[in-house]
Amino acid sequence: METTKKERMLTGNKAMAEAIAQEMEKNPEVFVLGEDVGKYGGIFGSTEGLLGKFGPDRVMDTPISETAFIGAAIGAAAEGMRPIAELMFVDFHGVCMDQIYNHMAKIPYMSGGNVKLPMVLTTAVGGGYNDAAQHSQTLYSSFAHLPGMKVVAPTTPYDIKGMMTSAIRDDNPVVFMFHKSLQGLGWMDLIEASVGHVPEESYTVPLGKAKVMREGKDVTIVGIQMMTVYALEAANKLAKEGIDAEVIDLRSLVPLDRETIIHSVQKTHNLLVVDEDYRSYGMTAEVSAVVAEEALYDLEHPIKRLAIPDVPIPYSRPMENYVIPNADAIYKQVKAMISE
């Protein structure tokens, strides 16, 4: 009698920590540093269990000085090591932006490629749990706008593990943005999307390649992380009314997979771009511009965008829910677009 092997399910944070552990086992040059990454395991669980496996020489709790430990990671990477530095919240990037942009992003270019910086800068992004204006941003486009760094933001646990493995092995500096809601932490509201099938063995998922999460013929919805989750929810609701939505998970902002977006729009002839970042000068504008430049005459209706209004993210739960796009907002926007 044959038995079907049960799929191994992990939360996002466990998938991320497992990828780091497997690369640390393979390569002694890989190490982790940052605030609360050791004994605590990262406040969002991204380094859970690593201190016990590898000890304090390779999993280093640092003082609260982002400029210092990110600078130390840059120096280590320049000397051939492969550091993973965790910036606890992306909102704190202003404290250490000189290290990130004037050093991490520029040294390989300014050295003519003679100095490689194979480092990963991990950081937690996203709202939805009432942590207010200084702890709830995504700031995807703030990093994607600055040349010299790969910028990735995976959604599923499978992609989190595979893309982290790819990021660690990459010879370029990679900004790895993980969404708090997709980590699957017990003290947050657990959502179904934060748990998924993750193989035990090491594997890679390419950086710079989007993924079609749902095929459709009537409208393309482009999202990333929680906006992909909400887009899929909206697509299921739209399907009951005869509207077939294709959902694309960008996964990477730099490099941006223009081909997948354009191919989809040429099939569906409609585009909605959804982002948890601010509307002005952001990802929604970039994706819209790509389609306007290369597939304008394939469109049946004007491109539509949903994003956070240009206001600090509120602490109040009703107000936060109002500014962050959700599945219902996506559903309503697609319905309005199709009915025009």
C-alpha atoms as a PDB file:
ATOM      1  CA  MET A   1       0.000   0.000   0.000  1.00  0.00           C
ATOM      2  CA  GLU A   2       1.427   3.353  -1.082  1.00  0.00           C
ATOM      3  CA  THR A   3       1.419   6.263   1.310  1.00  0.00           C
ATOM      4  CA  THR A   4       1.563   9.874   0.203  1.00  0.00           C
ATOM      5  CA  LYS A   5       4.390  11.815   1.790  1.00  0.00           C
ATOM      6  CA  LYS A   6       3.014  14.748   3.740  1.00  0.00           C
ATOM      7  CA  GLU A   7       4.321  18.160   2.723  1.00  0.00           C
ATOM      8  CA  ARG A   8       6.599  19.778   5.272  1.00  0.00           C
ATOM      9  CA  MET A   9       5.101  23.090   6.378  1.00  0.00           C
ATOM     10  CA  LEU A  10       7.064  25.976   7.879  1.00  0.00           C
ATOM     11  CA  THR A  11       6.358  29.548   8.857  1.00  0.00           C
ATOM     12  CA  GLY A  12       8.207  32.346   7.089  1.00  0.00           C
ATOM     13  CA  ASN A  13      10.597  32.983   9.965  1.00  0.00           C
ATOM     14  CA  LYS A  14      11.565  29.314  10.277  1.00  0.00           C
ATOM     15  CA  ALA A  15      12.137  29.089   6.527  1.00  0.00           C
ATOM     16  CA  MET A  16      14.401  32.136   6.691  1.00  0.00           C
ATOM     17  CA  ALA A  17      16.387  30.876   9.683  1.00  0.00           C
ATOM     18  CA  GLU A  18      16.773  27.458   8.057  1.00  0.00           C
ATOM     19  CA  ALA A  19      18.227  28.980   4.871  1.00  0.00           C
ATOM     20  CA  ILE A  20      20.767  30.949   6.911  1.00  0.00           C
ATOM     21  CA  ALA A  21      21.685  27.886   9.001  1.00  0.00           C
ATOM     22  CA  GLN A  22      22.242  25.704   5.936  1.00  0.00           C
ATOM     23  CA  GLU A  23      24.503  28.300   4.330  1.00  0.00           C
ATOM     24  CA  MET A  24      26.424  28.757   7.587  1.00  0.00           C
ATOM     25  CA  GLU A  25      26.982  25.004   7.723  1.00  0.00           C
ATOM     26  CA  LYS A  26      28.338  24.980   4.164  1.00  0.00           C
ATOM     27  CA  ASN A  27      30.435  28.127   4.314  1.00  0.00           C
ATOM     28  CA  PRO A  28      32.408  29.232   7.404  1.00  0.00           C
ATOM     29  CA  GLU A  29      32.613  32.763   5.965  1.00  0.00           C
ATOM     30  CA  VAL A  30      28.883  33.292   6.528  1.00  0.00           C
ATOM     31  CA  PHE A  31      28.000  34.961   9.823  1.00  0.00           C
ATOM     32  CA  VAL A  32      25.170  37.024  11.330  1.00  0.00           C
ATOM     33  CA  LEU A  33      25.228  40.258  13.277  1.00  0.00           C
ATOM     34  CA  GLY A  34      22.690  42.761  14.515  1.00  0.00           C
ATOM     35  CA  GLU A  35      20.498  43.752  17.427  1.00  0.00           C
ATOM     36  CA  ASP A  36      18.848  40.820  19.274  1.00  0.00           C
ATOM     37  CA  VAL A  37      19.809  38.295  16.574  1.00  0.00           C
ATOM     38  CA  GLY A  38      21.498  35.948  19.081  1.00  0.00           C
ATOM     39  CA  LYS A  39      19.757  34.812  22.245  1.00  0.00           C
ATOM     40  CA  TYR A  40      16.445  36.377  21.235  1.00  0.00           C
ATOM     41  CA  GLY A  41      16.610  34.930  17.717  1.00  0.00           C
ATOM     42  CA  GLY A  42      15.635  38.202  16.074  1.00  0.00           C
ATOM     43  CA  ILE A  43      12.531  40.038  17.232  1.00  0.00           C
ATOM     44  CA  PHE A  44      10.726  38.665  14.164  1.00  0.00           C
ATOM     45  CA  GLY A  45      12.275  35.211  14.431  1.00  0.00           C
ATOM     46  CA  SER A  46      14.595  35.523  11.448  1.00  0.00           C
ATOM     47  CA  THR A  47      17.625  34.088  13.272  1.00  0.00           C
ATOM     48  CA  GLU A  48      15.807  31.669  15.586  1.00  0.00           C
ATOM     49  CA  GLY A  49      18.027  28.839  16.846  1.00  0.00           C
ATOM     50  CA  LEU A  50      21.219  30.033  15.164  1.00  0.00           C
ATOM     51  CA  LEU A  51      23.098  31.021  18.327  1.00  0.00           C
ATOM     52  CA  GLY A  52      22.760  27.529  19.778  1.00  0.00           C
ATOM     53  CA  LYS A  53      24.076  25.942  16.581  1.00  0.00           C
ATOM     54  CA  PHE A  54      26.933  28.271  15.733  1.00  0.00           C
ATOM     55  CA  GLY A  55      27.844  30.167  18.888  1.00  0.00           C
ATOM     56  CA  PRO A  56      28.485  33.856  19.594  1.00  0.00           C
ATOM     57  CA  ASP A  57      31.483  34.115  17.251  1.00  0.00           C
ATOM     58  CA  ARG A  58      29.220  33.634  14.229  1.00  0.00           C
ATOM     59  CA  VAL A  59      25.913  34.974  15.582  1.00  0.00           C
ATOM     60  CA  MET A  60      26.739  38.306  17.160  1.00  0.00           C
ATOM     61  CA  ASP A  61      24.439  40.491  19.203  1.00  0.00           C
ATOM     62  CA  THR A  62      25.564  44.072  18.662  1.00  0.00           C
ATOM     63  CA  PRO A  63      25.087  47.331  20.527  1.00  0.00           C
ATOM     64  CA  ILE A  64      22.297  49.624  19.340  1.00  0.00           C
ATOM     65  CA  SER A  65      24.445  51.283  16.694  1.00  0.00           C
ATOM     66  CA  GLU A  66      23.283  50.505  13.185  1.00  0.00           C
ATOM     67  CA  THR A  67      26.020  52.607  11.636  1.00  0.00           C
ATOM     68  CA  ALA A  68      28.676  50.604  13.482  1.00  0.00           C
ATOM     69  CA  PHE A  69      27.530  47.043  12.822  1.00  0.00           C
ATOM     70  CA  ILE A  70      26.467  47.633   9.212  1.00  0.00           C
ATOM     71  CA  GLY A  71      29.824  49.326   8.657  1.00  0.00           C
ATOM     72  CA  ALA A  72      31.524  46.297  10.212  1.00  0.00           C
ATOM     73  CA  ALA A  73      29.590  44.012   7.857  1.00  0.00           C
ATOM     74  CA  ILE A  74      30.690  46.066   4.856  1.00  0.00           C
ATOM     75  CA  GLY A  75      34.315  45.795   5.924  1.00  0.00           C
ATOM     76  CA  ALA A  76      34.004  42.047   6.462  1.00  0.00           C
ATOM     77  CA  ALA A  77      32.399  41.583   3.044  1.00  0.00           C
ATOM     78  CA  ALA A  78      35.161  43.599   1.383  1.00  0.00           C
ATOM     79  CA  GLU A  79      37.655  41.130   2.909  1.00  0.00           C
ATOM     80  CA  GLY A  80      35.834  38.101   1.505  1.00  0.00           C
ATOM     81  CA  MET A  81      33.404  37.109   4.232  1.00  0.00           C
ATOM     82  CA  ARG A  82      29.646  36.828   3.702  1.00  0.00           C
ATOM     83  CA  PRO A  83      27.924  38.722   6.513  1.00  0.00           C
ATOM     84  CA  ILE A  84      24.192  38.906   7.111  1.00  0.00           C
ATOM     85  CA  ALA A  85      23.387  42.130   8.967  1.00  0.00           C
ATOM     86  CA  GLU A  86      19.887  42.676  10.338  1.00  0.00           C
ATOM     87  CA  LEU A  87      18.480  46.181  10.457  1.00  0.00           C
ATOM     88  CA  MET A  88      15.675  45.536  12.946  1.00  0.00           C
ATOM     89  CA  PHE A  89      13.073  47.811  11.308  1.00  0.00           C
ATOM     90  CA  VAL A  90      13.407  49.308   7.833  1.00  0.00           C
ATOM     91  CA  ASP A  91      12.209  52.575   9.391  1.00  0.00           C
ATOM     92  CA  PHE A  92      15.616  52.849  11.094  1.00  0.00           C
ATOM     93  CA  HIS A  93      17.500  53.059   7.794  1.00  0.00           C
ATOM     94  CA  GLY A  94      17.919  56.798   8.172  1.00  0.00           C
ATOM     95  CA  VAL A  95      20.312  56.205  11.069  1.00  0.00           C
ATOM     96  CA  CYS A  96      22.753  54.263   8.872  1.00  0.00           C
ATOM     97  CA  MET A  97      21.963  55.419   5.341  1.00  0.00           C
ATOM     98  CA  ASP A  98      25.500  56.662   4.788  1.00  0.00           C
ATOM     99  CA  GLN A  99      26.847  53.149   5.321  1.00  0.00           C
ATOM    100  CA  ILE A 100      24.149  51.583   3.154  1.00  0.00           C
ATOM    101  CA  TYR A 101      24.191  53.888   0.186  1.00  0.00           C
ATOM    102  CA  ASN A 102      27.545  55.642   0.168  1.00  0.00           C
ATOM    103  CA  HIS A 103      29.499  52.486   1.013  1.00  0.00           C
ATOM    104  CA  MET A 104      27.598  49.213   0.601  1.00  0.00           C
ATOM    105  CA  ALA A 105      26.006  50.194  -2.700  1.00  0.00           C
ATOM    106  CA  LYS A 106      28.893  52.178  -4.189  1.00  0.00           C
ATOM    107  CA  ILE A 107      32.157  50.453  -3.253  1.00  0.00           C
ATOM    108  CA  PRO A 108      31.880  47.722  -5.943  1.00  0.00           C
ATOM    109  CA  TYR A 109      31.184  50.382  -8.601  1.00  0.00           C
ATOM    110  CA  MET A 110      33.801  52.873  -7.418  1.00  0.00           C
ATOM    111  CA  SER A 111      36.431  50.132  -7.270  1.00  0.00           C
ATOM    112  CA  GLY A 112      35.736  49.150 -10.857  1.00  0.00           C
ATOM    113  CA  GLY A 113      34.464  45.792  -9.661  1.00  0.00           C
ATOM    114  CA  ASN A 114      37.727  44.942  -7.917  1.00  0.00           C
ATOM    115  CA  VAL A 115      36.068  44.958  -4.479  1.00  0.00           C
ATOM    116  CA  LYS A 116      33.051  42.709  -4.142  1.00  0.00           C
ATOM    117  CA  LEU A 117      30.609  43.075  -1.255  1.00  0.00           C
ATOM    118  CA  PRO A 118      28.824  39.712  -0.872  1.00  0.00           C
ATOM    119  CA  MET A 119      26.620  40.757   2.033  1.00  0.00           C
ATOM    120  CA  VAL A 120      22.929  40.584   2.867  1.00  0.00           C
ATOM    121  CA  LEU A 121      21.168  43.387   4.701  1.00  0.00           C
ATOM    122  CA  THR A 122      17.950  41.969   6.140  1.00  0.00           C
ATOM    123  CA  THR A 123      15.208  44.196   7.459  1.00  0.00           C
ATOM    124  CA  ALA A 124      11.600  43.894   8.662  1.00  0.00           C
ATOM    125  CA  VAL A 125       8.921  45.804   6.772  1.00  0.00           C
ATOM    126  CA  GLY A 126       5.185  46.331   6.882  1.00  0.00           C
ATOM    127  CA  GLY A 127       2.302  47.499   9.019  1.00  0.00           C
ATOM    128  CA  GLY A 128      -1.051  46.061   9.885  1.00  0.00           C
ATOM    129  CA  TYR A 129      -0.423  45.490  13.577  1.00  0.00           C
ATOM    130  CA  ASN A 130      -0.569  49.017  15.000  1.00  0.00           C
ATOM    131  CA  ASP A 131       3.088  49.887  15.509  1.00  0.00           C
ATOM    132  CA  ALA A 132       2.655  53.470  14.280  1.00  0.00           C
ATOM    133  CA  ALA A 133       4.565  55.775  11.962  1.00  0.00           C
ATOM    134  CA  GLN A 134       8.148  54.852  12.879  1.00  0.00           C
ATOM    135  CA  HIS A 135       7.753  51.051  12.837  1.00  0.00           C
ATOM    136  CA  SER A 136       5.234  50.262  10.077  1.00  0.00           C
ATOM    137  CA  GLN A 137       6.668  51.323   6.737  1.00  0.00           C
ATOM    138  CA  THR A 138       7.867  49.182   3.846  1.00  0.00           C
ATOM    139  CA  LEU A 139      10.015  51.773   2.017  1.00  0.00           C
ATOM    140  CA  TYR A 140      10.569  49.385  -0.890  1.00  0.00           C
ATOM    141  CA  SER A 141      11.116  52.178  -3.367  1.00  0.00           C
ATOM    142  CA  SER A 142      13.556  54.048  -1.120  1.00  0.00           C
ATOM    143  CA  PHE A 143      16.041  51.221  -1.653  1.00  0.00           C
ATOM    144  CA  ALA A 144      14.996  50.255  -5.185  1.00  0.00           C
ATOM    145  CA  HIS A 145      15.612  53.843  -6.317  1.00  0.00           C
ATOM    146  CA  LEU A 146      19.289  53.696  -5.330  1.00  0.00           C
ATOM    147  CA  PRO A 147      21.552  51.828  -7.798  1.00  0.00           C
ATOM    148  CA  GLY A 148      24.142  49.325  -6.626  1.00  0.00           C
ATOM    149  CA  MET A 149      22.019  46.955  -4.540  1.00  0.00           C
ATOM    150  CA  LYS A 150      19.697  44.092  -5.319  1.00  0.00           C
ATOM    151  CA  VAL A 151      16.405  44.539  -3.474  1.00  0.00           C
ATOM    152  CA  VAL A 152      14.129  41.563  -2.826  1.00  0.00           C
ATOM    153  CA  ALA A 153      10.886  41.055  -0.882  1.00  0.00           C
ATOM    154  CA  PRO A 154       9.593  37.456  -0.987  1.00  0.00           C
ATOM    155  CA  THR A 155       6.095  36.450   0.051  1.00  0.00           C
ATOM    156  CA  THR A 156       5.799  32.697   0.589  1.00  0.00           C
ATOM    157  CA  PRO A 157       7.889  30.607   3.016  1.00  0.00           C
ATOM    158  CA  TYR A 158       9.181  28.631   0.004  1.00  0.00           C
ATOM    159  CA  ASP A 159      10.432  31.810  -1.650  1.00  0.00           C
ATOM    160  CA  ILE A 160      11.779  33.215   1.608  1.00  0.00           C
ATOM    161  CA  LYS A 161      14.083  30.224   2.023  1.00  0.00           C
ATOM    162  CA  GLY A 162      15.096  29.965  -1.619  1.00  0.00           C
ATOM    163  CA  MET A 163      15.699  33.675  -2.103  1.00  0.00           C
ATOM    164  CA  MET A 164      17.654  33.969   1.148  1.00  0.00           C
ATOM    165  CA  THR A 165      19.935  31.178  -0.055  1.00  0.00           C
ATOM    166  CA  SER A 166      20.394  32.996  -3.376  1.00  0.00           C
ATOM    167  CA  ALA A 167      21.053  36.286  -1.585  1.00  0.00           C
ATOM    168  CA  ILE A 168      23.768  34.808   0.647  1.00  0.00           C
ATOM    169  CA  ARG A 169      25.520  33.263  -2.352  1.00  0.00           C
ATOM    170  CA  ASP A 170      25.296  36.424  -4.465  1.00  0.00           C
ATOM    171  CA  ASP A 171      28.497  38.446  -4.848  1.00  0.00           C
ATOM    172  CA  ASN A 172      26.503  41.705  -4.834  1.00  0.00           C
ATOM    173  CA  PRO A 173      25.020  43.480  -1.815  1.00  0.00           C
ATOM    174  CA  VAL A 174      21.413  42.366  -1.376  1.00  0.00           C
ATOM    175  CA  VAL A 175      18.715  44.104   0.665  1.00  0.00           C
ATOM    176  CA  PHE A 176      16.387  41.336   1.875  1.00  0.00           C
ATOM    177  CA  MET A 177      13.071  42.787   3.078  1.00  0.00           C
ATOM    178  CA  PHE A 178      10.862  40.366   5.034  1.00  0.00           C
ATOM    179  CA  HIS A 179       7.286  41.252   5.959  1.00  0.00           C
ATOM    180  CA  LYS A 180       6.405  40.914   9.634  1.00  0.00           C
ATOM    181  CA  SER A 181       2.925  39.550   8.904  1.00  0.00           C
ATOM    182  CA  LEU A 182       4.423  36.779   6.745  1.00  0.00           C
ATOM    183  CA  GLN A 183       6.831  35.550   9.427  1.00  0.00           C
ATOM    184  CA  GLY A 184       4.153  33.480  11.177  1.00  0.00           C
ATOM    185  CA  LEU A 185       4.889  34.680  14.697  1.00  0.00           C
ATOM    186  CA  GLY A 186       2.724  33.595  17.608  1.00  0.00           C
ATOM    187  CA  TRP A 187       2.377  37.059  19.100  1.00  0.00           C
ATOM    188  CA  MET A 188       0.950  38.481  15.866  1.00  0.00           C
ATOM    189  CA  ASP A 189      -2.294  37.512  14.167  1.00  0.00           C
ATOM    190  CA  LEU A 190      -1.349  34.309  12.327  1.00  0.00           C
ATOM    191  CA  ILE A 191      -2.392  34.375   8.685  1.00  0.00           C
ATOM    192  CA  GLU A 192      -2.619  31.386   6.371  1.00  0.00           C
ATOM    193  CA  ALA A 193      -0.135  32.876   3.893  1.00  0.00           C
ATOM    194  CA  SER A 194       2.643  32.851   6.517  1.00  0.00           C
ATOM    195  CA  VAL A 195       2.751  29.035   6.485  1.00  0.00           C
ATOM    196  CA  GLY A 196       3.731  26.982   3.456  1.00  0.00           C
ATOM    197  CA  HIS A 197       5.540  24.008   2.005  1.00  0.00           C
ATOM    198  CA  VAL A 198       9.325  24.259   2.417  1.00  0.00           C
ATOM    199  CA  PRO A 199      11.674  21.394   1.415  1.00  0.00           C
ATOM    200  CA  GLU A 200      14.286  20.303   3.935  1.00  0.00           C
ATOM    201  CA  GLU A 201      17.123  20.377   1.431  1.00  0.00           C
ATOM    202  CA  SER A 202      18.878  23.545   0.350  1.00  0.00           C
ATOM    203  CA  TYR A 203      17.576  25.137  -2.862  1.00  0.00           C
ATOM    204  CA  THR A 204      17.607  28.507  -4.588  1.00  0.00           C
ATOM    205  CA  VAL A 205      14.943  30.789  -6.015  1.00  0.00           C
ATOM    206  CA  PRO A 206      16.336  33.305  -8.529  1.00  0.00           C
ATOM    207  CA  LEU A 207      16.539  36.968  -7.621  1.00  0.00           C
ATOM    208  CA  GLY A 208      14.989  39.313 -10.152  1.00  0.00           C
ATOM    209  CA  LYS A 209      12.243  36.961 -11.335  1.00  0.00           C
ATOM    210  CA  ALA A 210       8.546  37.611 -10.663  1.00  0.00           C
ATOM    211  CA  LYS A 211       6.061  34.781 -10.182  1.00  0.00           C
ATOM    212  CA  VAL A 212       2.591  34.418 -11.661  1.00  0.00           C
ATOM    213  CA  MET A 213       0.614  33.302  -8.604  1.00  0.00           C
ATOM    214  CA  ARG A 214      -2.702  33.013 -10.449  1.00  0.00           C
ATOM    215  CA  GLU A 215      -3.290  32.979 -14.189  1.00  0.00           C
ATOM    216  CA  GLY A 216      -6.135  35.002 -15.642  1.00  0.00           C
ATOM    217  CA  LYS A 217      -7.321  36.719 -18.813  1.00  0.00           C
ATOM    218  CA  ASP A 218      -9.224  39.871 -17.805  1.00  0.00           C
ATOM    219  CA  VAL A 219      -6.900  41.977 -15.646  1.00  0.00           C
ATOM    220  CA  THR A 220      -3.340  41.875 -14.315  1.00  0.00           C
ATOM    221  CA  ILE A 221      -2.831  42.688 -10.641  1.00  0.00           C
ATOM    222  CA  VAL A 222       0.795  43.305  -9.681  1.00  0.00           C
ATOM    223  CA  GLY A 223       1.653  43.215  -5.989  1.00  0.00           C
ATOM    224  CA  ILE A 224       4.360  42.294  -3.536  1.00  0.00           C
ATOM    225  CA  GLN A 225       4.287  40.542  -0.136  1.00  0.00           C
ATOM    226  CA  MET A 226       1.002  41.306   1.691  1.00  0.00           C
ATOM    227  CA  MET A 227      -0.413  43.032  -1.388  1.00  0.00           C
ATOM    228  CA  THR A 228       0.049  39.766  -3.294  1.00  0.00           C
ATOM    229  CA  VAL A 229      -1.839  37.958  -0.531  1.00  0.00           C
ATOM    230  CA  TYR A 230      -4.687  40.457  -0.722  1.00  0.00           C
ATOM    231  CA  ALA A 231      -4.675  40.392  -4.532  1.00  0.00           C
ATOM    232  CA  LEU A 232      -5.199  36.628  -4.477  1.00  0.00           C
ATOM    233  CA  GLU A 233      -8.114  37.030  -2.051  1.00  0.00           C
ATOM    234  CA  ALA A 234      -9.645  39.685  -4.301  1.00  0.00           C
ATOM    235  CA  ALA A 235      -9.100  37.528  -7.403  1.00  0.00           C
ATOM    236  CA  ASN A 236     -11.032  34.645  -5.842  1.00  0.00           C
ATOM    237  CA  LYS A 237     -13.935  36.975  -5.089  1.00  0.00           C
ATOM    238  CA  LEU A 238     -13.808  38.471  -8.593  1.00  0.00           C
ATOM    239  CA  ALA A 239     -13.855  34.996 -10.138  1.00  0.00           C
ATOM    240  CA  LYS A 240     -17.272  34.364  -8.612  1.00  0.00           C
ATOM    241  CA  GLU A 241     -18.518  37.324 -10.648  1.00  0.00           C
ATOM    242  CA  GLY A 242     -16.916  36.188 -13.893  1.00  0.00           C
ATOM    243  CA  ILE A 243     -13.805  38.405 -13.761  1.00  0.00           C
ATOM    244  CA  ASP A 244     -10.618  36.383 -14.270  1.00  0.00           C
ATOM    245  CA  ALA A 245      -7.657  38.161 -12.649  1.00  0.00           C
ATOM    246  CA  GLU A 246      -4.006  37.291 -13.153  1.00  0.00           C
ATOM    247  CA  VAL A 247      -1.902  37.956 -10.031  1.00  0.00           C
ATOM    248  CA  ILE A 248       1.827  38.619 -10.233  1.00  0.00           C
ATOM    249  CA  ASP A 249       4.054  38.543  -7.163  1.00  0.00           C
ATOM    250  CA  LEU A 250       7.038  40.758  -7.985  1.00  0.00           C
ATOM    251  CA  ARG A 251       9.292  39.109  -5.363  1.00  0.00           C
ATOM    252  CA  SER A 252      12.193  41.336  -6.498  1.00  0.00           C
ATOM    253  CA  LEU A 253      12.227  45.081  -7.014  1.00  0.00           C
ATOM    254  CA  VAL A 254      15.825  45.157  -8.248  1.00  0.00           C
ATOM    255  CA  PRO A 255      16.235  43.609 -10.740  1.00  0.00           C
ATOM    256  CA  LEU A 256      12.631  44.210 -11.826  1.00  0.00           C
ATOM    257  CA  ASP A 257      11.123  41.480 -14.001  1.00  0.00           C
ATOM    258  CA  ARG A 258       9.695  43.697 -16.726  1.00  0.00           C
ATOM    259  CA  GLU A 259       9.135  40.828 -19.148  1.00  0.00           C
ATOM    260  CA  THR A 260       6.661  38.965 -16.935  1.00  0.00           C
ATOM    261  CA  ILE A 261       4.654  42.137 -16.302  1.00  0.00           C
ATOM    262  CA  ILE A 262       4.514  43.140 -19.974  1.00  0.00           C
ATOM    263  CA  HIS A 263       3.647  39.625 -21.147  1.00  0.00           C
ATOM    264  CA  SER A 264       0.763  39.515 -18.683  1.00  0.00           C
ATOM    265  CA  VAL A 265      -0.630  42.898 -19.711  1.00  0.00           C
ATOM    266  CA  GLN A 266      -0.446  41.926 -23.377  1.00  0.00           C
ATOM    267  CA  LYS A 267      -2.705  38.997 -22.473  1.00  0.00           C
ATOM    268  CA  THR A 268      -5.176  40.696 -20.093  1.00  0.00           C
ATOM    269  CA  HIS A 269      -5.130  44.263 -21.508  1.00  0.00           C
ATOM    270  CA  ASN A 270      -5.700  45.772 -18.037  1.00  0.00           C
ATOM    271  CA  LEU A 271      -3.380  46.617 -15.147  1.00  0.00           C
ATOM    272  CA  LEU A 272      -3.770  47.361 -11.454  1.00  0.00           C
ATOM    273  CA  VAL A 273      -0.612  47.864  -9.361  1.00  0.00           C
ATOM    274  CA  VAL A 274      -0.925  47.529  -5.570  1.00  0.00           C
ATOM    275  CA  ASP A 275       1.699  48.573  -3.027  1.00  0.00           C
ATOM    276  CA  GLU A 276       2.063  48.904   0.744  1.00  0.00           C
ATOM    277  CA  ASP A 277       4.528  51.742   0.185  1.00  0.00           C
ATOM    278  CA  TYR A 278       3.636  55.381  -0.398  1.00  0.00           C
ATOM    279  CA  ARG A 279       1.911  56.228  -3.663  1.00  0.00           C
ATOM    280  CA  SER A 280       4.124  59.075  -4.869  1.00  0.00           C
ATOM    281  CA  TYR A 281       7.422  58.172  -6.577  1.00  0.00           C
ATOM    282  CA  GLY A 282       7.003  54.529  -5.673  1.00  0.00           C
ATOM    283  CA  MET A 283       6.757  51.011  -7.085  1.00  0.00           C
ATOM    284  CA  THR A 284       3.270  51.597  -8.486  1.00  0.00           C
ATOM    285  CA  ALA A 285       4.620  54.465 -10.568  1.00  0.00           C
ATOM    286  CA  GLU A 286       7.615  52.450 -11.804  1.00  0.00           C
ATOM    287  CA  VAL A 287       5.565  49.442 -12.898  1.00  0.00           C
ATOM    288  CA  SER A 288       3.001  51.740 -14.505  1.00  0.00           C
ATOM    289  CA  ALA A 289       5.750  53.552 -16.410  1.00  0.00           C
ATOM    290  CA  VAL A 290       7.231  50.278 -17.679  1.00  0.00           C
ATOM    291  CA  VAL A 291       3.855  49.231 -19.086  1.00  0.00           C
ATOM    292  CA  ALA A 292       3.111  52.697 -20.473  1.00  0.00           C
ATOM    293  CA  GLU A 293       6.444  52.711 -22.296  1.00  0.00           C
ATOM    294  CA  GLU A 294       6.319  49.180 -23.666  1.00  0.00           C
ATOM    295  CA  ALA A 295       2.695  48.016 -23.780  1.00  0.00           C
ATOM    296  CA  LEU A 296       0.564  51.164 -23.879  1.00  0.00           C
ATOM    297  CA  TYR A 297      -1.445  50.154 -26.927  1.00  0.00           C
ATOM    298  CA  ASP A 298      -2.264  46.774 -25.399  1.00  0.00           C
ATOM    299  CA  LEU A 299      -4.307  48.469 -22.669  1.00  0.00           C
ATOM    300  CA  GLU A 300      -8.100  48.649 -22.847  1.00  0.00           C
ATOM    301  CA  HIS A 301      -8.417  50.934 -19.795  1.00  0.00           C
ATOM    302  CA  PRO A 302      -6.089  53.392 -18.045  1.00  0.00           C
ATOM    303  CA  ILE A 303      -3.656  51.877 -15.531  1.00  0.00           C
ATOM    304  CA  LYS A 304      -4.899  52.027 -11.944  1.00  0.00           C
ATOM    305  CA  ARG A 305      -2.853  52.179  -8.737  1.00  0.00           C
ATOM    306  CA  LEU A 306      -3.531  51.449  -5.080  1.00  0.00           C
ATOM    307  CA  ALA A 307      -0.992  52.450  -2.424  1.00  0.00           C
ATOM    308  CA  ILE A 308      -0.671  54.186   0.910  1.00  0.00           C
ATOM    309  CA  PRO A 309      -1.575  57.889   0.716  1.00  0.00           C
ATOM    310  CA  ASP A 310       1.318  60.249   1.361  1.00  0.00           C
ATOM    311  CA  VAL A 311       0.787  60.363   5.118  1.00  0.00           C
ATOM    312  CA  PRO A 312       2.647  58.775   8.052  1.00  0.00           C
ATOM    313  CA  ILE A 313       1.074  55.421   8.930  1.00  0.00           C
ATOM    314  CA  PRO A 314      -1.350  55.960  11.838  1.00  0.00           C
ATOM    315  CA  TYR A 315      -1.237  54.123  15.161  1.00  0.00           C
ATOM    316  CA  SER A 316      -5.021  53.911  15.422  1.00  0.00           C
ATOM    317  CA  ARG A 317      -6.247  50.560  14.069  1.00  0.00           C
ATOM    318  CA  PRO A 318      -9.223  51.967  12.095  1.00  0.00           C
ATOM    319  CA  MET A 319      -7.015  54.672  10.592  1.00  0.00           C
ATOM    320  CA  GLU A 320      -4.213  52.223   9.774  1.00  0.00           C
ATOM    321  CA  ASN A 321      -6.713  49.894   8.130  1.00  0.00           C
ATOM    322  CA  TYR A 322      -7.999  52.851   6.130  1.00  0.00           C
ATOM    323  CA  VAL A 323      -4.635  53.801   4.603  1.00  0.00           C
ATOM    324  CA  ILE A 324      -3.233  50.312   3.871  1.00  0.00           C
ATOM    325  CA  PRO A 325      -4.808  48.686   0.779  1.00  0.00           C
ATOM    326  CA  ASN A 326      -6.652  45.421   1.417  1.00  0.00           C
ATOM    327  CA  ALA A 327      -8.475  42.712  -0.516  1.00  0.00           C
ATOM    328  CA  ASP A 328     -11.758  44.623  -0.554  1.00  0.00           C
ATOM    329  CA  ALA A 329     -10.115  47.763  -1.939  1.00  0.00           C
ATOM    330  CA  ILE A 330      -8.477  45.703  -4.700  1.00  0.00           C
ATOM    331  CA  TYR A 331     -11.784  44.018  -5.520  1.00  0.00           C
ATOM    332  CA  LYS A 332     -13.610  47.350  -5.753  1.00  0.00           C
ATOM    333  CA  GLN A 333     -10.886  48.940  -7.883  1.00  0.00           C
ATOM    334  CA  VAL A 334     -10.925  46.088 -10.404  1.00  0.00           C
ATOM    335  CA  LYS A 335     -14.723  46.174 -10.577  1.00  0.00           C
ATOM    336  CA  ALA A 336     -14.657  49.923 -11.231  1.00  0.00           C
ATOM    337  CA  MET A 337     -11.940  49.537 -13.865  1.00  0.00           C
ATOM    338  CA  ILE A 338     -13.722  46.792 -15.777  1.00  0.00           C
ATOM    339  CA  SER A 339     -17.047  48.625 -15.702  1.00  0.00           C
ATOM    340  CA  GLU A 340     -15.616  51.846 -17.194  1.00  0.00           C
END
